[in-house]
Protein backbone atom coordinates (compact mmCIF):
# COMPACT_ATOMS: atom_id res chain seq x y z
CA UNK A 1 -6.85 -5.33 2.81
CA UNK A 2 -4.74 -2.46 3.91
CA UNK A 3 -1.24 -3.37 4.89
CA UNK A 4 -0.25 -3.02 8.53
CA UNK A 5 3.07 -3.00 10.33
CA UNK A 6 3.59 -5.67 12.96
CA UNK A 7 5.33 -5.36 16.32
CA UNK A 8 8.51 -6.73 14.73
CA UNK A 9 9.11 -3.24 13.27
CA UNK A 10 12.60 -1.99 14.13
CA UNK A 11 11.60 1.63 13.46
CA UNK A 12 14.12 1.99 10.62
CA UNK A 13 11.86 4.16 8.46
CA UNK A 14 12.73 2.47 5.16
CA UNK A 15 9.05 2.06 4.31
CA UNK A 16 7.87 5.64 4.80
CA UNK A 17 9.34 7.31 1.69
CA UNK A 18 8.30 4.37 -0.51
CA UNK A 19 4.55 4.81 0.03
CA UNK A 20 2.91 6.56 -2.94
CA UNK A 21 0.01 7.65 -0.70
CA UNK A 22 1.95 8.94 2.31
CA UNK A 23 0.02 6.39 4.41
CA UNK A 24 3.02 5.50 6.58
CA UNK A 25 4.11 7.59 9.55
CA UNK A 26 6.22 7.19 12.63
CA UNK A 27 4.25 6.00 15.63
CA UNK A 28 5.32 5.81 19.27
CA UNK A 29 7.20 2.50 19.08
CA UNK A 30 6.98 1.59 15.41
CA UNK A 31 5.85 2.93 12.08
CA UNK A 32 2.12 2.76 11.35
CA UNK A 33 -0.01 2.65 8.23
CA UNK A 34 -3.25 4.62 7.95
CA UNK A 35 -5.71 2.12 6.41
CA UNK A 36 -7.71 5.01 4.95
CA UNK A 37 -4.71 5.97 2.83
CA UNK A 38 -3.25 2.54 2.04
CA UNK A 39 -4.05 1.17 -1.42
CA UNK A 40 -1.58 -1.73 -1.24
CA UNK A 41 0.13 0.20 -4.06
CA UNK A 42 -2.69 -0.67 -6.49
CA UNK A 43 -2.42 1.82 -9.35
CA UNK A 44 1.31 2.25 -8.76
CA UNK A 45 3.10 -1.12 -8.52
CA UNK A 46 2.41 -4.85 -8.79
CA UNK A 47 3.89 -5.24 -5.30
CA UNK A 48 3.56 -3.43 -2.01
CA UNK A 49 6.48 -1.00 -1.90
CA UNK A 50 6.72 -1.01 1.89
CA UNK A 51 7.05 -4.81 1.92
CA UNK A 52 9.75 -4.68 -0.74
CA UNK A 53 12.06 -2.48 1.34
CA UNK A 54 11.31 -3.72 4.86
CA UNK A 55 14.43 -5.43 6.25
CA UNK A 56 12.47 -7.44 8.83
CA UNK A 57 9.39 -8.23 6.73
CA UNK A 58 6.91 -6.64 9.12
CA UNK A 59 4.73 -4.88 6.50
CA UNK A 60 2.00 -7.45 6.00
CA UNK A 61 -1.56 -7.62 4.75
CA UNK A 62 -3.98 -6.93 7.58
CA UNK A 63 -6.11 -10.10 7.89
CA UNK A 64 -8.85 -8.07 9.61
CA UNK A 65 -9.24 -5.62 6.73
CA UNK A 66 -9.69 -7.38 3.41
CA UNK A 67 -10.37 -5.15 0.41
CA UNK A 68 -10.90 -5.78 -3.28
CA UNK A 69 -8.73 -4.45 -6.06
CA UNK A 70 -11.63 -2.23 -7.10
CA UNK A 71 -11.96 -0.66 -3.63
CA UNK A 72 -8.21 -0.06 -3.42
CA UNK A 73 -8.12 1.42 -6.93
CA UNK A 74 -11.02 3.74 -6.15
CA UNK A 75 -9.18 4.94 -3.05
CA UNK A 76 -6.04 5.62 -5.11
CA UNK A 77 -8.09 7.60 -7.62
CA UNK A 78 -9.65 9.65 -4.83
CA UNK A 79 -6.30 10.29 -3.13
CA UNK A 80 -4.65 11.34 -6.39
CA UNK A 81 -7.52 13.07 -8.19
CA UNK A 82 -5.06 15.14 -10.25
CA UNK A 83 -3.52 12.04 -11.85
CA UNK A 84 -5.02 10.59 -15.05
CA UNK A 85 -6.30 7.07 -14.32
CA UNK A 86 -7.24 4.38 -16.82
CA UNK A 87 -10.41 2.38 -16.33
CA UNK A 88 -9.74 -0.48 -13.95
CA UNK A 89 -10.19 -2.96 -16.81
CA UNK A 90 -7.28 -1.23 -18.57
CA UNK A 91 -4.99 -1.10 -15.53
CA UNK A 92 -1.57 -2.43 -16.59
CA UNK A 93 -0.31 -5.68 -15.06
CA UNK A 94 2.60 -3.87 -13.43
CA UNK A 95 0.26 -1.61 -11.41
CA UNK A 96 -1.63 -4.16 -9.33
CA UNK A 97 -0.59 -7.33 -7.51
CA UNK A 98 -4.10 -8.65 -8.22
CA UNK A 99 -3.15 -8.99 -11.89
CA UNK A 100 -0.18 -11.27 -11.40
CA UNK A 101 -0.58 -14.67 -12.99
């Protein structure tokens, strides 16, 4: 599920530079996340970087857009076609929150 930013956003911008996919941009009243670019940081971190830096905890999973690790990983591969990617079975634990025990 792509992450979304709730109305509690204080428009601080802390999240924008943290996104490895440039999915976050400034909206009219708050920052927004493009769900077509969000990979929940799969392939990059075992946490969602925007959530980690948000001072008001408004970067949350979108309950209306649930996606599998595989779908998110495929999106990351497509967005960063120039990067070498391991097979999903070989994805390190520190590059997907789905692999946390």
